[in-house]
Protein backbone atom coordinates (compact mmCIF):
# COMPACT_ATOMS: atom_id res chain seq x y z
CA MET A 1 0.02 0.01 0.00
CA LEU A 2 3.00 2.20 0.03
CA LEU A 3 5.25 3.70 -2.63
CA SER A 4 8.29 6.00 -2.80
CA VAL A 5 8.13 9.68 -3.87
CA LEU A 6 9.45 13.31 -4.18
CA MET A 7 9.13 17.03 -5.04
CA LEU A 8 9.96 20.66 -6.49
CA LEU A 9 8.82 24.02 -8.30
CA ILE A 10 6.45 24.45 -11.18
CA VAL A 11 3.92 26.83 -12.55
CA SER A 12 1.31 24.93 -14.47
CA GLY A 13 -2.19 25.81 -15.49
CA THR A 14 -3.76 22.55 -16.72
CA GLN A 15 -2.78 20.14 -13.97
CA GLY A 16 -3.62 22.43 -10.97
CA SER A 17 -7.37 21.68 -10.90
CA HIS A 18 -6.89 18.08 -9.89
CA TYR A 19 -3.72 17.90 -7.77
CA LEU A 20 -3.61 15.00 -5.22
CA GLY A 21 0.00 15.11 -3.99
CA THR A 22 3.69 14.59 -4.69
CA VAL A 23 6.93 13.38 -3.11
CA VAL A 24 10.60 13.96 -3.94
CA THR A 25 13.68 11.95 -2.87
CA TYR A 26 17.34 12.12 -3.98
CA TYR A 27 20.61 10.30 -3.58
CA THR A 28 24.21 10.97 -4.65
CA LYS A 29 25.42 8.74 -7.43
CA GLU A 30 29.07 9.69 -7.83
CA THR A 31 31.64 12.31 -6.93
CA PHE A 32 34.33 12.88 -9.64
CA THR A 33 37.94 13.86 -9.40
CA ASN A 34 37.18 17.36 -10.68
CA ARG A 35 34.81 17.78 -7.71
CA SER A 36 31.69 17.62 -9.82
CA VAL A 37 28.78 15.55 -8.48
CA SER A 38 26.03 13.50 -10.08
CA VAL A 39 22.78 13.13 -8.19
CA ILE A 40 19.61 11.10 -8.90
CA VAL A 41 16.30 12.79 -8.14
CA ARG A 42 13.05 10.81 -8.13
CA PHE A 43 9.67 12.53 -8.45
CA LYS A 44 6.17 11.16 -7.98
CA TYR A 45 2.96 13.09 -8.72
CA ASN A 46 -0.67 12.24 -8.23
CA PHE A 47 -3.47 13.90 -10.22
CA LYS A 48 -6.96 12.86 -11.27
CA THR A 49 -5.47 12.31 -14.77
CA CYS A 50 -2.05 11.29 -15.81
CA ASP A 51 -0.33 14.72 -15.77
CA ASN A 52 3.34 15.40 -15.20
CA GLY A 53 5.20 18.16 -13.36
CA THR A 54 7.52 20.92 -14.42
CA PHE A 55 10.45 21.55 -12.15
CA VAL A 56 12.16 24.79 -11.16
CA CYS A 57 15.63 24.63 -9.59
CA THR A 58 17.58 27.41 -7.78
CA GLY A 59 21.22 27.31 -6.62
CA ASN A 60 23.72 24.72 -7.83
CA CYS A 61 21.47 23.27 -10.47
CA GLY A 62 23.91 21.87 -13.05
CA ASP A 63 22.62 19.94 -16.09
CA GLU A 64 19.52 17.72 -15.85
CA SER A 65 18.73 14.68 -18.03
CA LEU A 66 15.96 12.19 -17.92
CA VAL A 67 16.71 8.67 -16.67
CA GLY A 68 14.44 6.12 -18.29
CA LYS A 69 10.82 6.61 -19.28
CA LYS A 70 8.01 8.08 -17.22
CA SER A 71 5.92 5.39 -15.50
CA GLU A 72 2.23 5.52 -14.64
CA VAL A 73 -0.06 3.76 -12.19
CA GLN A 74 -3.74 4.58 -12.91
CA THR A 75 -7.09 3.79 -11.27
CA ASN A 76 -10.58 5.05 -12.02
CA MET A 77 -10.02 7.88 -9.39
CA TRP A 78 -6.39 9.04 -9.81
CA CYS A 79 -3.15 8.58 -11.74
CA GLN A 80 0.31 8.49 -10.17
CA THR A 81 3.31 9.23 -12.45
CA GLU A 82 6.96 8.79 -11.62
CA GLN A 83 9.93 10.46 -13.22
CA ILE A 84 13.67 9.97 -12.43
CA THR A 85 16.22 12.53 -13.49
CA SER A 86 19.95 12.89 -13.18
CA ARG A 87 21.76 16.12 -12.44
CA LEU A 88 25.40 16.68 -13.16
CA LEU A 89 26.60 19.47 -10.88
CA PRO A 90 29.84 21.48 -11.12
CA ASN A 91 30.43 21.18 -7.38
CA ASN A 92 28.79 19.95 -4.16
CA SER A 93 26.99 23.11 -3.01
CA PRO A 94 23.26 22.78 -2.22
CA PHE A 95 20.32 23.53 -4.41
CA GLN A 96 16.55 23.85 -4.00
CA LEU A 97 13.66 22.34 -5.97
CA VAL A 98 10.14 23.80 -5.77
CA TYR A 99 6.79 22.53 -7.16
CA ASP A 100 4.27 25.40 -7.17
CA SER A 101 0.78 25.82 -8.69
CA ASN A 102 -2.93 25.45 -7.97
CA ALA A 103 -5.12 23.90 -6.99
CA TRP A 104 -5.67 20.96 -4.75
CA VAL A 105 -8.61 18.69 -5.64
CA THR A 106 -11.65 19.79 -3.71
CA ASN A 107 -11.04 18.89 -0.04
CA LEU A 108 -12.71 19.38 3.31
CA TYR A 109 -10.14 21.79 4.62
CA ASP A 110 -10.41 24.18 1.63
CA LEU A 111 -6.76 24.05 0.60
CA THR A 112 -6.36 25.42 -2.95
CA SER A 113 -2.86 26.30 -4.15
CA TRP A 114 0.10 24.13 -3.24
CA ARG A 115 3.84 24.57 -2.78
CA ALA A 116 6.25 21.75 -2.21
CA VAL A 117 9.98 22.27 -1.46
CA ALA A 118 13.03 19.99 -1.46
CA GLU A 119 16.32 21.15 0.00
CA VAL A 120 19.10 19.10 -1.62
CA GLU A 121 22.26 18.96 0.51
CA LEU A 122 25.39 17.45 -1.24
CA ARG A 123 28.34 18.80 0.77
CA SER A 124 30.78 16.18 2.03
CA ARG A 125 30.00 14.81 5.49
CA SER A 126 32.73 14.33 8.04
CA ASP A 127 31.21 11.09 9.34
CA THR A 128 30.97 9.31 5.97
CA ASN A 129 33.28 11.41 3.74
CA LYS A 130 30.52 11.43 1.12
CA PRO A 131 27.77 13.80 0.02
CA ASN A 132 24.38 13.58 1.88
CA SER A 133 21.44 11.70 0.53
CA SER A 134 17.90 12.38 1.50
CA PRO A 135 15.63 10.15 3.68
CA GLN A 136 13.55 7.71 1.70
CA THR A 137 9.91 6.73 2.20
CA THR A 138 7.10 4.85 0.49
CA ILE A 139 3.54 5.97 0.48
CA LEU A 140 0.54 6.00 -1.81
CA LEU A 141 -0.45 9.57 -2.64
CA VAL A 142 -4.07 8.79 -1.82
CA LEU A 143 -5.03 6.77 1.26
CA ARG A 144 -8.55 5.62 2.02
CA PHE A 145 -9.81 4.88 5.53
CA PRO A 146 -13.18 4.37 7.21
CA SER A 147 -14.43 7.54 8.94
CA ASN A 148 -15.72 5.72 11.94
CA CYS A 149 -12.59 4.30 13.55
CA LEU A 150 -9.09 5.35 14.58
CA ARG A 151 -6.30 4.43 12.12
CA ASN A 152 -2.56 4.62 12.91
CA ILE A 153 -0.08 4.60 10.06
CA ASN A 154 3.65 4.22 10.40
CA LEU A 155 5.43 5.63 7.35
CA VAL A 156 8.20 3.31 6.10
CA THR A 157 11.38 5.41 6.32
CA PHE A 158 15.10 4.77 5.54
CA ASP A 159 18.09 7.00 5.49
CA PRO A 160 21.15 5.90 3.43
CA ASP A 161 23.51 7.82 5.74
CA GLY A 162 22.14 6.29 8.94
CA ASP A 163 20.61 9.60 10.04
CA LYS A 164 17.58 9.91 12.31
CA VAL A 165 14.46 10.62 10.18
CA LYS A 166 11.76 12.95 11.49
CA CYS A 167 8.47 14.26 10.10
CA ARG A 168 6.47 17.47 10.69
CA TYR A 169 3.79 19.45 9.07
CA ALA A 170 4.79 22.02 6.30
CA ASP A 171 5.36 25.44 7.66
CA HIS A 172 4.00 28.60 5.96
CA ARG A 173 6.78 30.73 7.61
CA MET A 174 9.43 28.63 5.88
CA LYS A 175 7.64 28.91 2.51
CA GLU A 176 6.96 25.17 2.42
CA CYS A 177 3.23 25.61 1.66
CA TYR A 178 0.62 28.19 0.84
CA SER A 179 -1.65 29.50 3.62
CA PRO A 180 -3.72 28.01 5.15
CA CYS A 181 -1.11 25.37 6.09
CA THR A 182 -3.08 24.20 9.12
CA PRO A 183 -3.23 20.36 9.19
CA PRO A 184 -6.59 18.55 9.01
CA PRO A 185 -8.23 18.46 12.43
CA VAL A 186 -8.75 14.66 12.20
CA LEU A 187 -5.05 14.01 11.67
CA SER A 188 -2.23 13.92 14.25
CA LEU A 189 1.44 13.48 13.35
CA SER A 190 4.38 12.51 15.55
CA SER A 191 8.03 13.29 14.85
CA ASN A 192 8.79 9.65 14.27
CA CYS A 193 6.60 9.73 11.14
CA THR A 194 3.56 8.02 12.65
CA PHE A 195 0.22 9.63 12.00
CA SER A 196 -3.32 8.89 13.29
CA PHE A 197 -6.49 9.47 11.32
CA ASN A 198 -9.54 9.78 13.61
CA ALA A 199 -12.69 10.84 11.79
CA THR A 200 -15.70 9.61 13.80
CA SER A 201 -18.82 10.60 11.81
CA ASN A 202 -20.20 11.01 8.31
CA LYS A 203 -19.65 14.79 8.75
CA THR A 204 -15.95 14.19 8.42
CA GLU A 205 -16.41 12.03 5.30
CA GLY A 206 -14.48 13.30 2.29
CA LEU A 207 -10.97 14.12 1.14
CA TYR A 208 -8.26 15.79 3.29
CA ALA A 209 -5.13 17.39 1.87
CA VAL A 210 -1.99 16.54 3.92
CA GLN A 211 1.15 18.56 3.63
CA MET A 212 4.21 17.11 5.41
CA VAL A 213 7.96 17.54 5.43
CA MET A 214 10.53 14.80 6.13
CA GLU A 215 14.07 15.65 7.36
CA ASP A 216 17.27 13.83 8.31
CA PHE A 217 19.22 14.68 11.43
CA PRO A 218 22.78 13.44 12.18
CA ARG A 219 23.16 11.16 15.22
CA GLN A 220 26.23 13.00 16.26
CA GLN A 221 27.66 16.47 15.38
CA ILE A 222 29.10 16.53 11.92
CA THR A 223 30.79 19.00 9.58
CA LEU A 224 29.72 19.59 5.99
CA THR A 225 32.48 20.64 3.71
CA GLN A 226 31.96 22.43 0.30
CA ALA A 227 34.34 22.16 -2.63
CA ASP A 228 35.63 25.71 -1.87
CA ARG A 229 36.66 24.50 1.61
CA SER A 230 33.97 26.39 3.44
CA GLN A 231 32.30 24.39 6.22
CA VAL A 232 29.04 24.24 8.16
CA VAL A 233 28.46 22.40 11.48
CA LYS A 234 25.31 20.34 11.98
CA THR A 235 24.30 19.19 15.43
CA THR A 236 21.77 16.51 16.31
CA SER A 237 19.14 19.29 16.41
CA ASP A 238 19.85 20.54 12.89
CA ALA A 239 18.18 19.11 9.84
CA ILE A 240 20.50 18.28 6.95
CA SER A 241 18.03 18.04 4.13
CA ARG A 242 14.24 18.11 3.69
CA ILE A 243 11.79 16.57 1.23
CA PRO A 244 8.11 17.27 0.79
CA ILE A 245 5.45 14.59 1.28
CA GLN A 246 1.95 15.64 0.16
CA PHE A 247 -0.99 13.30 -0.31
CA GLY A 248 -4.71 12.90 0.16
CA ILE A 249 -6.70 10.95 2.76
CA GLN A 250 -10.13 9.87 1.76
CA GLY A 251 -12.41 9.32 4.75
CA LYS A 252 -15.45 7.26 4.04
CA VAL A 253 -18.16 5.84 6.26
């Protein structure tokens, strides 16, 4: 019931009227002797029809190329597409990906426009001597649950660097979503990426838009070193990278 996913920036007119969620993940493929870096970015999108996203990158973006063909999983209610790209970067400095448009499919919490942000961190870690890779997760972009009983869901998480993975709601102050960013009242989320869905009547039947962020935290203090020798210290309280996780929950009596 779960799948892996990702996210970034786009301005699109046609696909906005039926958006159902997206996820972005990345991992470093190779570091070359000239200090250039190749990174693999995996995107998944969910719309009512089989639409695809357009990505906007800021920072150390390099050259992007498509890896393989776009894949699709379709039902009579939604279509999930997956696209994998490779970026060849001139150095290991960070970059940002943003996916930005409107509007969410009609939902009970009246969310309209969406914004999803991935912070890609590739500087060399002092604990592994390698660039960072994002946390990984698998989740369907539309989940369906009865509206008359409590459901607990543990997101499957994995971090290639052995970091601690935490989840939280997207924050408007950090420009991770468009206001209102308030989470659905029937949903509670813990930092260990467990969430509970508790809709108890037919008044709460319908679709909820969920906007989450997943981050990786080092298990001990580390130093990130850029190709120009500049350094940044990360403590166990500092997130290294972040990826968006946005999906729909369909409550039904």
